[in-house]
């Protein structure tokens, strides 16, 4: 549930902070958290057979695949992979 402050003033958090927690930077090529999250999201979208332009279904698929992913970072990722 959203906090009262977020409801009143809006959510000013940077979605990249949550992505950094879920998808830490590194890996074989030293990719940033956002790049790793985008690669993961593209895989989820491809596995689900979704059109990246279908934002609502993409967001749902991303959040179903990773329960720790909240709405704002999921929307951010959907916009990033849509291009």
PDB file of N, CA and C in Angstrom:
ATOM      1  N   UNK A   1       0.845  -1.181   0.000  1.00  0.00           N
ATOM      2  CA  UNK A   1       0.000   0.000   0.000  1.00  0.00           C
ATOM      3  C   UNK A   1       0.883   1.234   0.000  1.00  0.00           C
ATOM      4  N   UNK A   2       0.494   2.215  -0.777  1.00  0.00           N
ATOM      5  CA  UNK A   2       1.263   3.455  -0.882  1.00  0.00           C
ATOM      6  C   UNK A   2       1.180   4.250   0.410  1.00  0.00           C
ATOM      7  N   UNK A   3       2.271   4.909   0.744  1.00  0.00           N
ATOM      8  CA  UNK A   3       2.272   5.729   1.945  1.00  0.00           C
ATOM      9  C   UNK A   3       1.485   7.008   1.689  1.00  0.00           C
ATOM     10  N   UNK A   4       1.046   7.633   2.768  1.00  0.00           N
ATOM     11  CA  UNK A   4       0.266   8.861   2.661  1.00  0.00           C
ATOM     12  C   UNK A   4       1.054   9.955   1.949  1.00  0.00           C
ATOM     13  N   UNK A   5       2.353  10.046   2.242  1.00  0.00           N
ATOM     14  CA  UNK A   5       3.184  11.070   1.612  1.00  0.00           C
ATOM     15  C   UNK A   5       3.260  10.869   0.097  1.00  0.00           C
ATOM     16  N   UNK A   6       3.381   9.622  -0.345  1.00  0.00           N
ATOM     17  CA  UNK A   6       3.425   9.360  -1.783  1.00  0.00           C
ATOM     18  C   UNK A   6       2.096   9.706  -2.442  1.00  0.00           C
ATOM     19  N   UNK A   7       1.011   9.405  -1.753  1.00  0.00           N
ATOM     20  CA  UNK A   7      -0.304   9.748  -2.300  1.00  0.00           C
ATOM     21  C   UNK A   7      -0.491  11.260  -2.367  1.00  0.00           C
ATOM     22  N   UNK A   8      -0.019  11.958  -1.367  1.00  0.00           N
ATOM     23  CA  UNK A   8      -0.197  13.405  -1.294  1.00  0.00           C
ATOM     24  C   UNK A   8       0.737  14.158  -2.227  1.00  0.00           C
ATOM     25  N   UNK A   9       2.023  13.795  -2.236  1.00  0.00           N
ATOM     26  CA  UNK A   9       3.025  14.555  -2.976  1.00  0.00           C
ATOM     27  C   UNK A   9       3.499  13.868  -4.250  1.00  0.00           C
ATOM     28  N   UNK A  10       3.129  12.641  -4.442  1.00  0.00           N
ATOM     29  CA  UNK A  10       3.595  11.901  -5.614  1.00  0.00           C
ATOM     30  C   UNK A  10       4.842  11.107  -5.278  1.00  0.00           C
ATOM     31  N   UNK A  11       5.135  10.149  -6.097  1.00  0.00           N
ATOM     32  CA  UNK A  11       6.296   9.294  -5.889  1.00  0.00           C
ATOM     33  C   UNK A  11       7.476   9.871  -6.660  1.00  0.00           C
ATOM     34  N   UNK A  12       8.418  10.448  -5.932  1.00  0.00           N
ATOM     35  CA  UNK A  12       9.580  11.085  -6.554  1.00  0.00           C
ATOM     36  C   UNK A  12      10.788  10.171  -6.618  1.00  0.00           C
ATOM     37  N   UNK A  13      10.623   8.915  -6.237  1.00  0.00           N
ATOM     38  CA  UNK A  13      11.775   8.016  -6.227  1.00  0.00           C
ATOM     39  C   UNK A  13      12.216   7.695  -7.648  1.00  0.00           C
ATOM     40  N   UNK A  14      13.493   7.469  -7.788  1.00  0.00           N
ATOM     41  CA  UNK A  14      14.075   7.115  -9.080  1.00  0.00           C
ATOM     42  C   UNK A  14      13.899   5.607  -9.275  1.00  0.00           C
ATOM     43  N   UNK A  15      13.202   5.177 -10.338  1.00  0.00           N
ATOM     44  CA  UNK A  15      12.976   3.741 -10.529  1.00  0.00           C
ATOM     45  C   UNK A  15      14.278   2.960 -10.711  1.00  0.00           C
ATOM     46  N   UNK A  16      15.342   3.640 -11.106  1.00  0.00           N
ATOM     47  CA  UNK A  16      16.621   2.961 -11.286  1.00  0.00           C
ATOM     48  C   UNK A  16      17.205   2.470  -9.969  1.00  0.00           C
ATOM     49  N   UNK A  17      16.810   3.081  -8.857  1.00  0.00           N
ATOM     50  CA  UNK A  17      17.298   2.632  -7.545  1.00  0.00           C
ATOM     51  C   UNK A  17      16.768   1.241  -7.233  1.00  0.00           C
ATOM     52  N   UNK A  18      15.471   1.020  -7.489  1.00  0.00           N
ATOM     53  CA  UNK A  18      14.901  -0.299  -7.248  1.00  0.00           C
ATOM     54  C   UNK A  18      15.488  -1.326  -8.218  1.00  0.00           C
ATOM     55  N   UNK A  19      15.683  -0.925  -9.464  1.00  0.00           N
ATOM     56  CA  UNK A  19      16.274  -1.836 -10.440  1.00  0.00           C
ATOM     57  C   UNK A  19      17.681  -2.242 -10.022  1.00  0.00           C
ATOM     58  N   UNK A  20      18.428  -1.311  -9.417  1.00  0.00           N
ATOM     59  CA  UNK A  20      19.780  -1.621  -8.960  1.00  0.00           C
ATOM     60  C   UNK A  20      19.765  -2.643  -7.835  1.00  0.00           C
ATOM     61  N   UNK A  21      18.714  -2.638  -7.021  1.00  0.00           N
ATOM     62  CA  UNK A  21      18.598  -3.620  -5.947  1.00  0.00           C
ATOM     63  C   UNK A  21      18.246  -4.997  -6.498  1.00  0.00           C
ATOM     64  N   UNK A  22      17.371  -5.036  -7.485  1.00  0.00           N
ATOM     65  CA  UNK A  22      16.907  -6.306  -8.039  1.00  0.00           C
ATOM     66  C   UNK A  22      17.908  -6.881  -9.038  1.00  0.00           C
ATOM     67  N   UNK A  23      18.497  -6.006  -9.859  1.00  0.00           N
ATOM     68  CA  UNK A  23      19.446  -6.411 -10.902  1.00  0.00           C
ATOM     69  C   UNK A  23      20.785  -5.712 -10.663  1.00  0.00           C
ATOM     70  N   UNK A  24      21.589  -6.215  -9.741  1.00  0.00           N
ATOM     71  CA  UNK A  24      22.849  -5.534  -9.447  1.00  0.00           C
ATOM     72  C   UNK A  24      23.769  -5.473 -10.672  1.00  0.00           C
ATOM     73  N   UNK A  25      24.511  -4.398 -10.745  1.00  0.00           N
ATOM     74  CA  UNK A  25      25.459  -4.219 -11.860  1.00  0.00           C
ATOM     75  C   UNK A  25      26.514  -5.304 -11.813  1.00  0.00           C
ATOM     76  N   UNK A  26      27.075  -5.583 -12.957  1.00  0.00           N
ATOM     77  CA  UNK A  26      28.131  -6.598 -13.022  1.00  0.00           C
ATOM     78  C   UNK A  26      27.858  -7.568 -14.149  1.00  0.00           C
ATOM     79  N   UNK A  27      28.026  -8.821 -13.849  1.00  0.00           N
ATOM     80  CA  UNK A  27      27.849  -9.829 -14.878  1.00  0.00           C
ATOM     81  C   UNK A  27      29.121  -9.993 -15.693  1.00  0.00           C
ATOM     82  N   UNK A  28      29.020 -10.769 -16.739  1.00  0.00           N
ATOM     83  CA  UNK A  28      30.188 -11.101 -17.557  1.00  0.00           C
ATOM     84  C   UNK A  28      30.764  -9.888 -18.267  1.00  0.00           C
ATOM     85  N   UNK A  29      29.914  -8.978 -18.687  1.00  0.00           N
ATOM     86  CA  UNK A  29      30.400  -7.821 -19.447  1.00  0.00           C
ATOM     87  C   UNK A  29      30.410  -6.543 -18.617  1.00  0.00           C
ATOM     88  N   UNK A  30      30.099  -6.625 -17.323  1.00  0.00           N
ATOM     89  CA  UNK A  30      30.107  -5.447 -16.463  1.00  0.00           C
ATOM     90  C   UNK A  30      28.976  -4.483 -16.767  1.00  0.00           C
ATOM     91  N   UNK A  31      27.825  -5.001 -17.165  1.00  0.00           N
ATOM     92  CA  UNK A  31      26.690  -4.163 -17.546  1.00  0.00           C
ATOM     93  C   UNK A  31      26.100  -3.460 -16.327  1.00  0.00           C
ATOM     94  N   UNK A  32      25.532  -2.284 -16.564  1.00  0.00           N
ATOM     95  CA  UNK A  32      24.876  -1.546 -15.493  1.00  0.00           C
ATOM     96  C   UNK A  32      23.572  -2.234 -15.121  1.00  0.00           C
ATOM     97  N   UNK A  33      23.010  -1.823 -13.993  1.00  0.00           N
ATOM     98  CA  UNK A  33      21.752  -2.402 -13.519  1.00  0.00           C
ATOM     99  C   UNK A  33      20.634  -2.200 -14.525  1.00  0.00           C
ATOM    100  N   UNK A  34      20.554  -1.021 -15.105  1.00  0.00           N
ATOM    101  CA  UNK A  34      19.483  -0.735 -16.058  1.00  0.00           C
ATOM    102  C   UNK A  34      19.629  -1.591 -17.305  1.00  0.00           C
ATOM    103  N   UNK A  35      20.841  -1.759 -17.790  1.00  0.00           N
ATOM    104  CA  UNK A  35      21.078  -2.589 -18.977  1.00  0.00           C
ATOM    105  C   UNK A  35      20.705  -4.034 -18.682  1.00  0.00           C
ATOM    106  N   UNK A  36      21.101  -4.541 -17.517  1.00  0.00           N
ATOM    107  CA  UNK A  36      20.744  -5.912 -17.145  1.00  0.00           C
ATOM    108  C   UNK A  36      19.237  -6.060 -17.024  1.00  0.00           C
ATOM    109  N   UNK A  37      18.561  -5.075 -16.443  1.00  0.00           N
ATOM    110  CA  UNK A  37      17.113  -5.129 -16.308  1.00  0.00           C
ATOM    111  C   UNK A  37      16.433  -5.086 -17.677  1.00  0.00           C
ATOM    112  N   UNK A  38      16.952  -4.279 -18.584  1.00  0.00           N
ATOM    113  CA  UNK A  38      16.382  -4.213 -19.934  1.00  0.00           C
ATOM    114  C   UNK A  38      16.532  -5.546 -20.654  1.00  0.00           C
ATOM    115  N   UNK A  39      17.692  -6.168 -20.528  1.00  0.00           N
ATOM    116  CA  UNK A  39      17.908  -7.477 -21.162  1.00  0.00           C
ATOM    117  C   UNK A  39      16.941  -8.511 -20.592  1.00  0.00           C
ATOM    118  N   UNK A  40      16.781  -8.502 -19.273  1.00  0.00           N
ATOM    119  CA  UNK A  40      15.843  -9.411 -18.627  1.00  0.00           C
ATOM    120  C   UNK A  40      14.423  -9.148 -19.127  1.00  0.00           C
ATOM    121  N   UNK A  41      14.034  -7.869 -19.185  1.00  0.00           N
ATOM    122  CA  UNK A  41      12.681  -7.512 -19.621  1.00  0.00           C
ATOM    123  C   UNK A  41      12.425  -7.955 -21.058  1.00  0.00           C
ATOM    124  N   UNK A  42      13.402  -7.766 -21.929  1.00  0.00           N
ATOM    125  CA  UNK A  42      13.240  -8.215 -23.319  1.00  0.00           C
ATOM    126  C   UNK A  42      13.014  -9.724 -23.392  1.00  0.00           C
ATOM    127  N   UNK A  43      13.714 -10.470 -22.545  1.00  0.00           N
ATOM    128  CA  UNK A  43      13.529 -11.916 -22.494  1.00  0.00           C
ATOM    129  C   UNK A  43      12.148 -12.301 -22.004  1.00  0.00           C
ATOM    130  N   UNK A  44      11.665 -11.610 -20.985  1.00  0.00           N
ATOM    131  CA  UNK A  44      10.324 -11.886 -20.453  1.00  0.00           C
ATOM    132  C   UNK A  44       9.274 -11.590 -21.516  1.00  0.00           C
ATOM    133  N   UNK A  45       9.428 -10.464 -22.195  1.00  0.00           N
ATOM    134  CA  UNK A  45       8.470 -10.073 -23.238  1.00  0.00           C
ATOM    135  C   UNK A  45       8.478 -11.078 -24.381  1.00  0.00           C
ATOM    136  N   UNK A  46       9.663 -11.503 -24.789  1.00  0.00           N
ATOM    137  CA  UNK A  46       9.767 -12.480 -25.882  1.00  0.00           C
ATOM    138  C   UNK A  46       9.159 -13.820 -25.471  1.00  0.00           C
ATOM    139  N   UNK A  47       9.451 -14.271 -24.251  1.00  0.00           N
ATOM    140  CA  UNK A  47       8.912 -15.544 -23.775  1.00  0.00           C
ATOM    141  C   UNK A  47       7.391 -15.511 -23.685  1.00  0.00           C
ATOM    142  N   UNK A  48       6.840 -14.338 -23.351  1.00  0.00           N
ATOM    143  CA  UNK A  48       5.390 -14.203 -23.239  1.00  0.00           C
ATOM    144  C   UNK A  48       4.739 -13.972 -24.603  1.00  0.00           C
ATOM    145  N   UNK A  49       5.548 -13.724 -25.628  1.00  0.00           N
ATOM    146  CA  UNK A  49       5.007 -13.478 -26.962  1.00  0.00           C
ATOM    147  C   UNK A  49       4.246 -12.173 -27.065  1.00  0.00           C
ATOM    148  N   UNK A  50       4.702 -11.175 -26.322  1.00  0.00           N
ATOM    149  CA  UNK A  50       4.015  -9.877 -26.296  1.00  0.00           C
ATOM    150  C   UNK A  50       4.658  -8.888 -27.249  1.00  0.00           C
ATOM    151  N   UNK A  51       3.852  -7.949 -27.688  1.00  0.00           N
ATOM    152  CA  UNK A  51       4.336  -6.808 -28.461  1.00  0.00           C
ATOM    153  C   UNK A  51       4.846  -5.776 -27.459  1.00  0.00           C
ATOM    154  N   UNK A  52       6.087  -5.318 -27.559  1.00  0.00           N
ATOM    155  CA  UNK A  52       6.606  -4.327 -26.604  1.00  0.00           C
ATOM    156  C   UNK A  52       5.772  -3.045 -26.537  1.00  0.00           C
ATOM    157  N   UNK A  53       4.986  -2.766 -27.563  1.00  0.00           N
ATOM    158  CA  UNK A  53       4.151  -1.565 -27.558  1.00  0.00           C
ATOM    159  C   UNK A  53       2.906  -1.726 -26.677  1.00  0.00           C
ATOM    160  N   UNK A  54       2.570  -2.949 -26.291  1.00  0.00           N
ATOM    161  CA  UNK A  54       1.395  -3.204 -25.451  1.00  0.00           C
ATOM    162  C   UNK A  54       1.792  -3.023 -23.989  1.00  0.00           C
ATOM    163  N   UNK A  55       1.855  -1.767 -23.567  1.00  0.00           N
ATOM    164  CA  UNK A  55       2.439  -1.412 -22.278  1.00  0.00           C
ATOM    165  C   UNK A  55       1.784  -2.115 -21.090  1.00  0.00           C
ATOM    166  N   UNK A  56       0.477  -2.176 -21.051  1.00  0.00           N
ATOM    167  CA  UNK A  56      -0.185  -2.780 -19.894  1.00  0.00           C
ATOM    168  C   UNK A  56       0.150  -4.254 -19.741  1.00  0.00           C
ATOM    169  N   UNK A  57       0.120  -4.991 -20.838  1.00  0.00           N
ATOM    170  CA  UNK A  57       0.443  -6.424 -20.757  1.00  0.00           C
ATOM    171  C   UNK A  57       1.921  -6.643 -20.449  1.00  0.00           C
ATOM    172  N   UNK A  58       2.763  -5.775 -20.978  1.00  0.00           N
ATOM    173  CA  UNK A  58       4.196  -5.873 -20.689  1.00  0.00           C
ATOM    174  C   UNK A  58       4.446  -5.637 -19.203  1.00  0.00           C
ATOM    175  N   UNK A  59       3.848  -4.609 -18.648  1.00  0.00           N
ATOM    176  CA  UNK A  59       4.023  -4.310 -17.219  1.00  0.00           C
ATOM    177  C   UNK A  59       3.547  -5.486 -16.377  1.00  0.00           C
ATOM    178  N   UNK A  60       2.410  -6.029 -16.724  1.00  0.00           N
ATOM    179  CA  UNK A  60       1.883  -7.169 -15.960  1.00  0.00           C
ATOM    180  C   UNK A  60       2.831  -8.373 -16.053  1.00  0.00           C
ATOM    181  N   UNK A  61       3.324  -8.654 -17.253  1.00  0.00           N
ATOM    182  CA  UNK A  61       4.237  -9.784 -17.432  1.00  0.00           C
ATOM    183  C   UNK A  61       5.519  -9.581 -16.630  1.00  0.00           C
ATOM    184  N   UNK A  62       6.044  -8.364 -16.629  1.00  0.00           N
ATOM    185  CA  UNK A  62       7.261  -8.075 -15.877  1.00  0.00           C
ATOM    186  C   UNK A  62       7.037  -8.255 -14.382  1.00  0.00           C
ATOM    187  N   UNK A  63       5.927  -7.750 -13.898  1.00  0.00           N
ATOM    188  CA  UNK A  63       5.644  -7.847 -12.462  1.00  0.00           C
ATOM    189  C   UNK A  63       5.294  -9.267 -12.043  1.00  0.00           C
ATOM    190  N   UNK A  64       4.681 -10.033 -12.945  1.00  0.00           N
ATOM    191  CA  UNK A  64       4.417 -11.448 -12.652  1.00  0.00           C
ATOM    192  C   UNK A  64       5.724 -12.239 -12.601  1.00  0.00           C
ATOM    193  N   UNK A  65       6.658 -11.892 -13.488  1.00  0.00           N
ATOM    194  CA  UNK A  65       7.936 -12.605 -13.550  1.00  0.00           C
ATOM    195  C   UNK A  65       8.854 -12.244 -12.377  1.00  0.00           C
ATOM    196  N   UNK A  66       8.729 -11.033 -11.858  1.00  0.00           N
ATOM    197  CA  UNK A  66       9.568 -10.586 -10.740  1.00  0.00           C
ATOM    198  C   UNK A  66       8.682  -9.869  -9.717  1.00  0.00           C
ATOM    199  N   UNK A  67       8.206 -10.595  -8.705  1.00  0.00           N
ATOM    200  CA  UNK A  67       7.278 -10.008  -7.726  1.00  0.00           C
ATOM    201  C   UNK A  67       7.833  -8.816  -6.948  1.00  0.00           C
ATOM    202  N   UNK A  68       9.151  -8.679  -6.854  1.00  0.00           N
ATOM    203  CA  UNK A  68       9.731  -7.530  -6.126  1.00  0.00           C
ATOM    204  C   UNK A  68       9.643  -6.236  -6.924  1.00  0.00           C
ATOM    205  N   UNK A  69       9.311  -6.330  -8.195  1.00  0.00           N
ATOM    206  CA  UNK A  69       9.268  -5.166  -9.078  1.00  0.00           C
ATOM    207  C   UNK A  69       7.983  -4.384  -8.839  1.00  0.00           C
ATOM    208  N   UNK A  70       8.110  -3.144  -8.402  1.00  0.00           N
ATOM    209  CA  UNK A  70       6.925  -2.317  -8.173  1.00  0.00           C
ATOM    210  C   UNK A  70       6.505  -1.639  -9.480  1.00  0.00           C
ATOM    211  N   UNK A  71       5.405  -0.926  -9.419  1.00  0.00           N
ATOM    212  CA  UNK A  71       4.806  -0.377 -10.633  1.00  0.00           C
ATOM    213  C   UNK A  71       5.702   0.636 -11.346  1.00  0.00           C
ATOM    214  N   UNK A  72       6.277   1.563 -10.619  1.00  0.00           N
ATOM    215  CA  UNK A  72       7.061   2.623 -11.270  1.00  0.00           C
ATOM    216  C   UNK A  72       8.265   2.068 -12.032  1.00  0.00           C
ATOM    217  N   UNK A  73       9.081   1.194 -11.443  1.00  0.00           N
ATOM    218  CA  UNK A  73      10.178   0.607 -12.221  1.00  0.00           C
ATOM    219  C   UNK A  73       9.688  -0.274 -13.373  1.00  0.00           C
ATOM    220  N   UNK A  74       8.551  -0.933 -13.196  1.00  0.00           N
ATOM    221  CA  UNK A  74       7.999  -1.744 -14.295  1.00  0.00           C
ATOM    222  C   UNK A  74       7.591  -0.851 -15.458  1.00  0.00           C
ATOM    223  N   UNK A  75       6.982   0.286 -15.179  1.00  0.00           N
ATOM    224  CA  UNK A  75       6.616   1.238 -16.233  1.00  0.00           C
ATOM    225  C   UNK A  75       7.871   1.796 -16.902  1.00  0.00           C
ATOM    226  N   UNK A  76       8.886   2.080 -16.110  1.00  0.00           N
ATOM    227  CA  UNK A  76      10.154   2.581 -16.636  1.00  0.00           C
ATOM    228  C   UNK A  76      10.759   1.563 -17.604  1.00  0.00           C
ATOM    229  N   UNK A  77      10.797   0.292 -17.196  1.00  0.00           N
ATOM    230  CA  UNK A  77      11.349  -0.752 -18.048  1.00  0.00           C
ATOM    231  C   UNK A  77      10.522  -0.929 -19.317  1.00  0.00           C
ATOM    232  N   UNK A  78       9.213  -0.902 -19.177  1.00  0.00           N
ATOM    233  CA  UNK A  78       8.345  -1.065 -20.351  1.00  0.00           C
ATOM    234  C   UNK A  78       8.621   0.053 -21.365  1.00  0.00           C
ATOM    235  N   UNK A  79       8.819   1.260 -20.887  1.00  0.00           N
ATOM    236  CA  UNK A  79       9.121   2.378 -21.782  1.00  0.00           C
ATOM    237  C   UNK A  79      10.503   2.216 -22.413  1.00  0.00           C
ATOM    238  N   UNK A  80      11.458   1.703 -21.644  1.00  0.00           N
ATOM    239  CA  UNK A  80      12.811   1.523 -22.154  1.00  0.00           C
ATOM    240  C   UNK A  80      12.871   0.484 -23.267  1.00  0.00           C
ATOM    241  N   UNK A  81      12.172  -0.630 -23.093  1.00  0.00           N
ATOM    242  CA  UNK A  81      12.235  -1.692 -24.103  1.00  0.00           C
ATOM    243  C   UNK A  81      11.333  -1.410 -25.300  1.00  0.00           C
ATOM    244  N   UNK A  82      10.365  -0.525 -25.110  1.00  0.00           N
ATOM    245  CA  UNK A  82       9.493  -0.143 -26.228  1.00  0.00           C
ATOM    246  C   UNK A  82      10.276   0.682 -27.234  1.00  0.00           C
ATOM    247  N   UNK A  83      11.228   1.449 -26.736  1.00  0.00           N
ATOM    248  CA  UNK A  83      12.085   2.216 -27.628  1.00  0.00           C
ATOM    249  C   UNK A  83      11.631   3.550 -27.840  1.00  0.00           C
TER     250      UNK A  83
END
